[in-house]
C-alpha atoms as a PDB file:
ATOM      1  CA  MET A   1    -194.093  21.960  57.890  1.00  0.00           C
ATOM      2  CA  THR A   2    -194.840  18.617  59.497  1.00  0.00           C
ATOM      3  CA  ALA A   3    -191.268  17.255  59.243  1.00  0.00           C
ATOM      4  CA  PRO A   4    -189.881  16.226  62.671  1.00  0.00           C
ATOM      5  CA  SER A   5    -186.846  18.515  62.321  1.00  0.00           C
ATOM      6  CA  LEU A   6    -189.014  21.562  61.586  1.00  0.00           C
ATOM      7  CA  GLN A   7    -191.393  20.554  64.352  1.00  0.00           C
ATOM      8  CA  GLY A   8    -188.457  20.679  66.754  1.00  0.00           C
ATOM      9  CA  GLN A   9    -187.424  24.110  65.470  1.00  0.00           C
ATOM     10  CA  LEU A  10    -190.921  25.464  66.001  1.00  0.00           C
ATOM     11  CA  HIS A  11    -190.991  24.003  69.513  1.00  0.00           C
ATOM     12  CA  ARG A  12    -187.751  25.802  70.384  1.00  0.00           C
ATOM     13  CA  ARG A  13    -189.031  29.076  68.937  1.00  0.00           C
ATOM     14  CA  LEU A  14    -192.197  28.779  70.993  1.00  0.00           C
ATOM     15  CA  GLN A  15    -190.337  28.052  74.244  1.00  0.00           C
ATOM     16  CA  GLU A  16    -187.854  30.887  73.729  1.00  0.00           C
ATOM     17  CA  ALA A  17    -190.528  33.534  73.007  1.00  0.00           C
ATOM     18  CA  LEU A  18    -191.104  36.393  75.436  1.00  0.00           C
ATOM     19  CA  PRO A  19    -192.917  37.374  77.599  1.00  0.00           C
ATOM     20  CA  PHE A  20    -194.304  33.792  77.601  1.00  0.00           C
ATOM     21  CA  PRO A  21    -194.332  30.896  75.129  1.00  0.00           C
ATOM     22  CA  TYR A  22    -196.132  31.622  71.847  1.00  0.00           C
ATOM     23  CA  LEU A  23    -195.519  30.996  68.173  1.00  0.00           C
ATOM     24  CA  VAL A  24    -196.321  32.905  64.989  1.00  0.00           C
ATOM     25  CA  ILE A  25    -196.364  31.017  61.670  1.00  0.00           C
ATOM     26  CA  ASP A  26    -197.020  32.720  58.331  1.00  0.00           C
ATOM     27  CA  GLY A  27    -198.334  30.835  55.308  1.00  0.00           C
ATOM     28  CA  LEU A  28    -199.469  27.688  57.108  1.00  0.00           C
ATOM     29  CA  PHE A  29    -202.701  27.499  55.062  1.00  0.00           C
ATOM     30  CA  ASN A  30    -203.475  27.901  51.375  1.00  0.00           C
ATOM     31  CA  PRO A  31    -204.317  31.583  50.739  1.00  0.00           C
ATOM     32  CA  ARG A  32    -207.262  30.654  48.515  1.00  0.00           C
ATOM     33  CA  LEU A  33    -208.863  28.706  51.357  1.00  0.00           C
ATOM     34  CA  LEU A  34    -208.491  31.701  53.662  1.00  0.00           C
ATOM     35  CA  GLU A  35    -209.922  34.046  51.003  1.00  0.00           C
ATOM     36  CA  LEU A  36    -213.006  31.834  50.780  1.00  0.00           C
ATOM     37  CA  ILE A  37    -213.354  31.827  54.569  1.00  0.00           C
ATOM     38  CA  ALA A  38    -213.189  35.636  54.592  1.00  0.00           C
ATOM     39  CA  GLU A  39    -215.932  35.742  51.938  1.00  0.00           C
ATOM     40  CA  GLU A  40    -218.106  33.468  54.055  1.00  0.00           C
ATOM     41  CA  PHE A  41    -218.012  35.992  56.902  1.00  0.00           C
ATOM     42  CA  ASP A  42    -220.155  38.269  54.699  1.00  0.00           C
ATOM     43  CA  GLN A  43    -222.599  35.432  53.978  1.00  0.00           C
ATOM     44  CA  THR A  44    -222.991  34.314  57.590  1.00  0.00           C
ATOM     45  CA  ARG A  45    -226.541  34.519  58.924  1.00  0.00           C
ATOM     46  CA  ALA A  46    -227.308  36.967  61.718  1.00  0.00           C
ATOM     47  CA  GLU A  47    -228.326  34.190  64.128  1.00  0.00           C
ATOM     48  CA  THR A  48    -224.825  32.726  63.857  1.00  0.00           C
ATOM     49  CA  TRP A  49    -223.356  35.677  65.738  1.00  0.00           C
ATOM     50  CA  ALA A  50    -223.268  36.492  69.438  1.00  0.00           C
ATOM     51  CA  ARG A  51    -222.402  40.093  70.202  1.00  0.00           C
ATOM     52  CA  ILE A  52    -220.322  40.648  73.323  1.00  0.00           C
ATOM     53  CA  LYS A  53    -220.261  44.196  74.678  1.00  0.00           C
ATOM     54  CA  SER A  54    -218.993  45.113  78.136  1.00  0.00           C
ATOM     55  CA  SER A  55    -216.342  47.204  79.835  1.00  0.00           C
ATOM     56  CA  TYR A  56    -214.054  44.224  79.231  1.00  0.00           C
ATOM     57  CA  GLU A  57    -214.556  43.656  75.516  1.00  0.00           C
ATOM     58  CA  GLU A  58    -216.549  44.627  72.451  1.00  0.00           C
ATOM     59  CA  THR A  59    -216.549  41.989  69.746  1.00  0.00           C
ATOM     60  CA  ARG A  60    -218.683  39.224  68.261  1.00  0.00           C
ATOM     61  CA  ARG A  61    -218.222  35.484  67.817  1.00  0.00           C
ATOM     62  CA  SER A  62    -220.075  32.611  66.230  1.00  0.00           C
ATOM     63  CA  VAL A  63    -222.332  30.795  68.668  1.00  0.00           C
ATOM     64  CA  LEU A  64    -221.620  27.300  69.972  1.00  0.00           C
ATOM     65  CA  GLY A  65    -222.146  24.611  67.325  1.00  0.00           C
ATOM     66  CA  SER A  66    -222.840  27.056  64.481  1.00  0.00           C
ATOM     67  CA  ARG A  67    -223.404  25.801  60.966  1.00  0.00           C
ATOM     68  CA  LEU A  68    -220.402  27.154  59.082  1.00  0.00           C
ATOM     69  CA  GLY A  69    -219.695  27.746  55.414  1.00  0.00           C
ATOM     70  CA  PRO A  70    -217.944  24.954  53.452  1.00  0.00           C
ATOM     71  CA  ALA A  71    -214.510  26.592  53.354  1.00  0.00           C
ATOM     72  CA  THR A  72    -214.665  27.505  57.036  1.00  0.00           C
ATOM     73  CA  GLN A  73    -215.768  23.994  57.953  1.00  0.00           C
ATOM     74  CA  LEU A  74    -212.908  22.561  55.886  1.00  0.00           C
ATOM     75  CA  TYR A  75    -210.453  24.689  57.890  1.00  0.00           C
ATOM     76  CA  PHE A  76    -211.815  23.359  61.186  1.00  0.00           C
ATOM     77  CA  ASN A  77    -211.898  19.794  59.860  1.00  0.00           C
ATOM     78  CA  VAL A  78    -208.170  20.129  59.222  1.00  0.00           C
ATOM     79  CA  VAL A  79    -207.177  21.741  62.512  1.00  0.00           C
ATOM     80  CA  ASN A  80    -209.268  19.197  64.453  1.00  0.00           C
ATOM     81  CA  SER A  81    -207.987  16.175  62.508  1.00  0.00           C
ATOM     82  CA  GLY A  82    -205.921  13.483  64.187  1.00  0.00           C
ATOM     83  CA  TRP A  83    -202.717  14.058  62.219  1.00  0.00           C
ATOM     84  CA  PHE A  84    -202.846  17.832  62.710  1.00  0.00           C
ATOM     85  CA  VAL A  85    -203.489  17.567  66.453  1.00  0.00           C
ATOM     86  CA  GLN A  86    -200.578  15.135  66.735  1.00  0.00           C
ATOM     87  CA  TRP A  87    -198.378  17.666  64.947  1.00  0.00           C
ATOM     88  CA  LEU A  88    -199.554  20.413  67.315  1.00  0.00           C
ATOM     89  CA  SER A  89    -198.815  18.206  70.326  1.00  0.00           C
ATOM     90  CA  GLY A  90    -195.231  17.894  69.150  1.00  0.00           C
ATOM     91  CA  VAL A  91    -194.862  21.627  68.569  1.00  0.00           C
ATOM     92  CA  VAL A  92    -196.234  22.724  71.954  1.00  0.00           C
ATOM     93  CA  GLY A  93    -194.912  19.709  73.880  1.00  0.00           C
ATOM     94  CA  ILE A  94    -198.300  18.688  75.303  1.00  0.00           C
ATOM     95  CA  PRO A  95    -199.388  15.081  74.672  1.00  0.00           C
ATOM     96  CA  ASP A  96    -202.953  13.875  74.177  1.00  0.00           C
ATOM     97  CA  LEU A  97    -204.516  17.161  73.064  1.00  0.00           C
ATOM     98  CA  LEU A  98    -208.294  17.066  72.621  1.00  0.00           C
ATOM     99  CA  THR A  99    -210.439  19.075  70.228  1.00  0.00           C
ATOM    100  CA  ASP A 100    -213.887  20.623  70.530  1.00  0.00           C
ATOM    101  CA  PRO A 101    -215.890  20.354  67.270  1.00  0.00           C
ATOM    102  CA  LYS A 102    -218.567  22.712  68.658  1.00  0.00           C
ATOM    103  CA  LEU A 103    -215.861  25.399  69.047  1.00  0.00           C
ATOM    104  CA  PHE A 104    -216.639  26.763  72.501  1.00  0.00           C
ATOM    105  CA  GLY A 105    -214.992  30.211  72.619  1.00  0.00           C
ATOM    106  CA  GLY A 106    -213.667  29.707  69.092  1.00  0.00           C
ATOM    107  CA  GLY A 107    -215.134  29.651  65.592  1.00  0.00           C
ATOM    108  CA  LEU A 108    -215.543  32.960  63.775  1.00  0.00           C
ATOM    109  CA  HIS A 109    -214.219  36.082  65.518  1.00  0.00           C
ATOM    110  CA  GLU A 110    -214.916  39.583  64.288  1.00  0.00           C
ATOM    111  CA  CYS A 111    -214.179  42.961  65.845  1.00  0.00           C
ATOM    112  CA  ARG A 112    -215.658  46.079  64.277  1.00  0.00           C
ATOM    113  CA  PRO A 113    -214.065  49.554  64.278  1.00  0.00           C
ATOM    114  CA  GLY A 114    -214.059  50.974  67.790  1.00  0.00           C
ATOM    115  CA  GLY A 115    -213.905  47.490  69.303  1.00  0.00           C
ATOM    116  CA  SER A 116    -211.321  46.251  71.773  1.00  0.00           C
ATOM    117  CA  PHE A 117    -210.471  43.358  74.098  1.00  0.00           C
ATOM    118  CA  ALA A 118    -208.895  44.091  77.483  1.00  0.00           C
ATOM    119  CA  VAL A 119    -205.653  42.388  78.506  1.00  0.00           C
ATOM    120  CA  HIS A 120    -206.628  39.020  79.976  1.00  0.00           C
ATOM    121  CA  ARG A 121    -205.897  35.318  80.225  1.00  0.00           C
ATOM    122  CA  ASP A 122    -208.226  32.840  78.576  1.00  0.00           C
ATOM    123  CA  PHE A 123    -210.601  30.574  80.474  1.00  0.00           C
ATOM    124  CA  GLN A 124    -209.124  27.703  82.496  1.00  0.00           C
ATOM    125  CA  TYR A 125    -211.699  24.990  81.775  1.00  0.00           C
ATOM    126  CA  HIS A 126    -214.258  24.253  79.085  1.00  0.00           C
ATOM    127  CA  ARG A 127    -217.578  25.375  80.564  1.00  0.00           C
ATOM    128  CA  HIS A 128    -219.550  22.335  79.418  1.00  0.00           C
ATOM    129  CA  LEU A 129    -217.016  19.510  79.193  1.00  0.00           C
ATOM    130  CA  GLY A 130    -214.737  20.274  82.157  1.00  0.00           C
ATOM    131  CA  LEU A 131    -211.627  19.822  80.002  1.00  0.00           C
ATOM    132  CA  LYS A 132    -208.534  21.887  80.776  1.00  0.00           C
ATOM    133  CA  ASN A 133    -207.740  24.615  78.252  1.00  0.00           C
ATOM    134  CA  GLN A 134    -204.194  24.189  76.907  1.00  0.00           C
ATOM    135  CA  MET A 135    -203.975  26.549  73.951  1.00  0.00           C
ATOM    136  CA  VAL A 136    -205.779  28.639  71.370  1.00  0.00           C
ATOM    137  CA  PHE A 137    -204.957  28.456  67.669  1.00  0.00           C
ATOM    138  CA  ILE A 138    -205.829  31.587  65.656  1.00  0.00           C
ATOM    139  CA  THR A 139    -205.559  32.349  61.943  1.00  0.00           C
ATOM    140  CA  TYR A 140    -206.035  35.960  60.810  1.00  0.00           C
ATOM    141  CA  LEU A 141    -207.934  36.941  57.657  1.00  0.00           C
ATOM    142  CA  ASN A 142    -207.119  40.643  57.205  1.00  0.00           C
ATOM    143  CA  LYS A 143    -205.556  41.565  53.866  1.00  0.00           C
ATOM    144  CA  GLY A 144    -203.582  44.799  53.736  1.00  0.00           C
ATOM    145  CA  TRP A 145    -203.906  45.459  57.460  1.00  0.00           C
ATOM    146  CA  GLN A 146    -201.848  48.486  58.509  1.00  0.00           C
ATOM    147  CA  PRO A 147    -200.161  48.691  61.942  1.00  0.00           C
ATOM    148  CA  GLU A 148    -201.275  52.311  62.381  1.00  0.00           C
ATOM    149  CA  TRP A 149    -204.906  51.164  62.421  1.00  0.00           C
ATOM    150  CA  GLY A 150    -204.285  49.457  65.750  1.00  0.00           C
ATOM    151  CA  SER A 151    -205.675  46.136  67.021  1.00  0.00           C
ATOM    152  CA  ALA A 152    -202.431  44.193  67.063  1.00  0.00           C
ATOM    153  CA  LEU A 153    -202.608  41.408  69.633  1.00  0.00           C
ATOM    154  CA  GLU A 154    -200.517  42.620  72.565  1.00  0.00           C
ATOM    155  CA  LEU A 155    -198.605  40.203  74.798  1.00  0.00           C
ATOM    156  CA  TRP A 156    -198.007  41.624  78.281  1.00  0.00           C
ATOM    157  CA  ASP A 157    -195.720  40.829  81.190  1.00  0.00           C
ATOM    158  CA  GLU A 158    -197.145  38.822  84.091  1.00  0.00           C
ATOM    159  CA  GLU A 159    -197.732  41.953  86.230  1.00  0.00           C
ATOM    160  CA  ARG A 160    -199.574  43.563  83.308  1.00  0.00           C
ATOM    161  CA  HIS A 161    -197.336  46.613  83.553  1.00  0.00           C
ATOM    162  CA  GLU A 162    -196.322  46.799  79.903  1.00  0.00           C
ATOM    163  CA  CYS A 163    -196.752  45.262  76.479  1.00  0.00           C
ATOM    164  CA  VAL A 164    -193.665  43.216  75.571  1.00  0.00           C
ATOM    165  CA  ALA A 165    -194.570  41.971  72.069  1.00  0.00           C
ATOM    166  CA  LYS A 166    -197.211  42.554  69.393  1.00  0.00           C
ATOM    167  CA  VAL A 167    -198.681  40.250  66.756  1.00  0.00           C
ATOM    168  CA  GLN A 168    -200.174  42.073  63.774  1.00  0.00           C
ATOM    169  CA  PRO A 169    -203.426  40.430  62.574  1.00  0.00           C
ATOM    170  CA  GLU A 170    -202.225  40.068  58.989  1.00  0.00           C
ATOM    171  CA  PHE A 171    -203.811  37.766  56.404  1.00  0.00           C
ATOM    172  CA  GLY A 172    -202.476  34.199  56.579  1.00  0.00           C
ATOM    173  CA  ARG A 173    -200.766  34.640  59.938  1.00  0.00           C
ATOM    174  CA  THR A 174    -201.377  31.902  62.503  1.00  0.00           C
ATOM    175  CA  LEU A 175    -200.779  32.252  66.234  1.00  0.00           C
ATOM    176  CA  LEU A 176    -200.315  29.386  68.696  1.00  0.00           C
ATOM    177  CA  LEU A 177    -200.934  30.743  72.173  1.00  0.00           C
ATOM    178  CA  PRO A 178    -200.560  28.197  74.997  1.00  0.00           C
ATOM    179  CA  HIS A 179    -202.647  28.962  78.078  1.00  0.00           C
ATOM    180  CA  GLY A 180    -200.728  29.533  81.296  1.00  0.00           C
ATOM    181  CA  PRO A 181    -200.422  31.678  84.428  1.00  0.00           C
ATOM    182  CA  LYS A 182    -198.437  34.353  82.553  1.00  0.00           C
ATOM    183  CA  SER A 183    -200.250  34.385  79.204  1.00  0.00           C
ATOM    184  CA  PHE A 184    -201.779  37.867  79.404  1.00  0.00           C
ATOM    185  CA  HIS A 185    -202.873  39.199  76.022  1.00  0.00           C
ATOM    186  CA  GLY A 186    -205.445  41.403  74.324  1.00  0.00           C
ATOM    187  CA  HIS A 187    -205.966  44.373  72.008  1.00  0.00           C
ATOM    188  CA  PRO A 188    -207.038  46.934  74.624  1.00  0.00           C
ATOM    189  CA  THR A 189    -207.006  50.108  72.505  1.00  0.00           C
ATOM    190  CA  PRO A 190    -210.034  50.643  70.222  1.00  0.00           C
ATOM    191  CA  PHE A 191    -208.988  50.493  66.570  1.00  0.00           C
ATOM    192  CA  PHE A 192    -210.226  52.355  63.507  1.00  0.00           C
ATOM    193  CA  THR A 193    -209.898  51.600  59.809  1.00  0.00           C
ATOM    194  CA  PRO A 194    -210.290  54.235  57.071  1.00  0.00           C
ATOM    195  CA  ASP A 195    -212.704  52.098  55.048  1.00  0.00           C
ATOM    196  CA  GLY A 196    -214.664  50.592  57.945  1.00  0.00           C
ATOM    197  CA  ARG A 197    -213.305  47.078  57.488  1.00  0.00           C
ATOM    198  CA  THR A 198    -213.472  44.676  60.421  1.00  0.00           C
ATOM    199  CA  ARG A 199    -210.784  42.611  62.147  1.00  0.00           C
ATOM    200  CA  ARG A 200    -211.443  38.931  61.388  1.00  0.00           C
ATOM    201  CA  SER A 201    -210.007  35.597  62.452  1.00  0.00           C
ATOM    202  CA  VAL A 202    -210.899  31.946  62.995  1.00  0.00           C
ATOM    203  CA  ALA A 203    -209.932  30.234  66.235  1.00  0.00           C
ATOM    204  CA  ALA A 204    -209.908  26.797  67.836  1.00  0.00           C
ATOM    205  CA  TYR A 205    -209.075  25.750  71.388  1.00  0.00           C
ATOM    206  CA  TYR A 206    -207.306  22.559  72.421  1.00  0.00           C
ATOM    207  CA  TYR A 207    -207.688  20.745  75.731  1.00  0.00           C
ATOM    208  CA  THR A 208    -206.476  17.924  77.926  1.00  0.00           C
ATOM    209  CA  ASN A 209    -208.466  15.724  80.297  1.00  0.00           C
ATOM    210  CA  PRO A 210    -207.439  16.432  83.930  1.00  0.00           C
ATOM    211  CA  THR A 211    -208.583  12.954  85.059  1.00  0.00           C
ATOM    212  CA  ALA A 212    -206.974  10.949  82.254  1.00  0.00           C
ATOM    213  CA  GLY A 213    -204.163   9.630  84.475  1.00  0.00           C
ATOM    214  CA  GLU A 214    -206.559   8.627  87.254  1.00  0.00           C
ATOM    215  CA  ILE A 215    -208.775   6.730  84.843  1.00  0.00           C
ATOM    216  CA  SER A 216    -205.749   4.995  83.395  1.00  0.00           C
ATOM    217  CA  ARG A 217    -204.529   3.895  86.838  1.00  0.00           C
ATOM    218  CA  SER A 218    -207.985   2.547  87.742  1.00  0.00           C
ATOM    219  CA  ASP A 219    -208.096   0.587  84.517  1.00  0.00           C
ATOM    220  CA  ASP A 220    -204.625  -0.775  85.239  1.00  0.00           C
ATOM    221  CA  VAL A 221    -205.718  -2.011  88.687  1.00  0.00           C
ATOM    222  CA  ALA A 222    -208.753  -3.771  87.269  1.00  0.00           C
ATOM    223  CA  ARG A 223    -206.766  -5.314  84.422  1.00  0.00           C
ATOM    224  CA  ASP A 224    -203.905  -6.487  86.617  1.00  0.00           C
ATOM    225  CA  ALA A 225    -206.319  -8.000  89.122  1.00  0.00           C
ATOM    226  CA  SER A 226    -208.165  -9.838  86.359  1.00  0.00           C
ATOM    227  CA  LEU A 227    -204.854 -11.381  85.317  1.00  0.00           C
ATOM    228  CA  GLY A 228    -204.472 -13.023  88.729  1.00  0.00           C
ATOM    229  CA  GLY A 229    -202.244 -10.399  90.298  1.00  0.00           C
ATOM    230  CA  MET A 230    -199.491 -10.641  87.684  1.00  0.00           C
ATOM    231  CA  ALA A 231    -198.403  -7.098  88.573  1.00  0.00           C
ATOM    232  CA  GLY A 232    -197.903  -8.025  92.232  1.00  0.00           C
ATOM    233  CA  LEU A 233    -201.368  -7.232  93.590  1.00  0.00           C
ATOM    234  CA  THR A 234    -202.230  -9.313  96.655  1.00  0.00           C
ATOM    235  CA  LEU A 235    -205.706 -10.759  97.070  1.00  0.00           C
ATOM    236  CA  LYS A 236    -206.370  -8.289  99.877  1.00  0.00           C
ATOM    237  CA  ARG A 237    -205.412  -5.294  97.710  1.00  0.00           C
ATOM    238  CA  TYR A 238    -207.568  -6.659  94.905  1.00  0.00           C
ATOM    239  CA  VAL A 239    -210.620  -6.967  97.158  1.00  0.00           C
ATOM    240  CA  ARG A 240    -210.025  -3.507  98.616  1.00  0.00           C
ATOM    241  CA  ALA A 241    -209.771  -1.989  95.144  1.00  0.00           C
ATOM    242  CA  LEU A 242    -213.220  -3.329  94.286  1.00  0.00           C
ATOM    243  CA  THR A 243    -214.936  -2.614  97.630  1.00  0.00           C
ATOM    244  CA  PRO A 244    -216.645   0.734  98.372  1.00  0.00           C
ATOM    245  CA  PRO A 245    -214.646   2.574 101.095  1.00  0.00           C
ATOM    246  CA  ILE A 246    -217.524   2.655 103.596  1.00  0.00           C
ATOM    247  CA  LEU A 247    -217.955  -1.135 103.396  1.00  0.00           C
ATOM    248  CA  TRP A 248    -214.209  -1.726 103.640  1.00  0.00           C
ATOM    249  CA  ARG A 249    -213.929   0.407 106.800  1.00  0.00           C
ATOM    250  CA  GLY A 250    -216.886  -1.434 108.337  1.00  0.00           C
ATOM    251  CA  ALA A 251    -215.332  -4.813 107.623  1.00  0.00           C
ATOM    252  CA  GLN A 252    -212.045  -3.714 109.177  1.00  0.00           C
ATOM    253  CA  ARG A 253    -213.766  -2.715 112.452  1.00  0.00           C
ATOM    254  CA  LYS A 254    -215.375  -6.175 112.909  1.00  0.00           C
END
């Protein structure tokens, strides 16, 4: 799965998907690991969950920084690891992806019968860190899920006129969903299961730093100046780079 040739194939599949780039991969994780994660849902303490109920959605998620079960934590250790994030960067074509170990917006997701999630786009920026949201990575945990029960993830056109594609939340299925201006998705119709089972998944978001380039350029200026202007900086430019703007303007007026 991590071979460069396969990585390129997955990247092409993602870019060619409609109505916007997304990618579905089956069997990415060991089924036994996912079975253990599903079992840990039933053992999760009540204080781990935040219930969200509004006209927009009815679901529940693990709270920020929750203490997770060992199998669930192993899953997130993998998807947040350096080698895995580097692989993801190659698949989606976005360099320097950043992870969030506290799992803002991610973690455990569970929707009970009658629940739904209106068609929407995900948040633009991490609420606490200010990082730019680039994609969500979801793995479903629902064995024997039947399409007639509903709750497939629907991918809509940019005007939100119609559903163009559906992703069934089947056990072992992973979805890479890059965030963008056209990435409208949801499961807007309440679902029902004959045995009362819930719709479960685990999710992680990936980010980039909007100021990374600016910081890099500032560091370059300071480094080049410290090397005696080897990159062509004049003494005047060096002094200006290190002088607060208000003092520089005052000096220029004298």
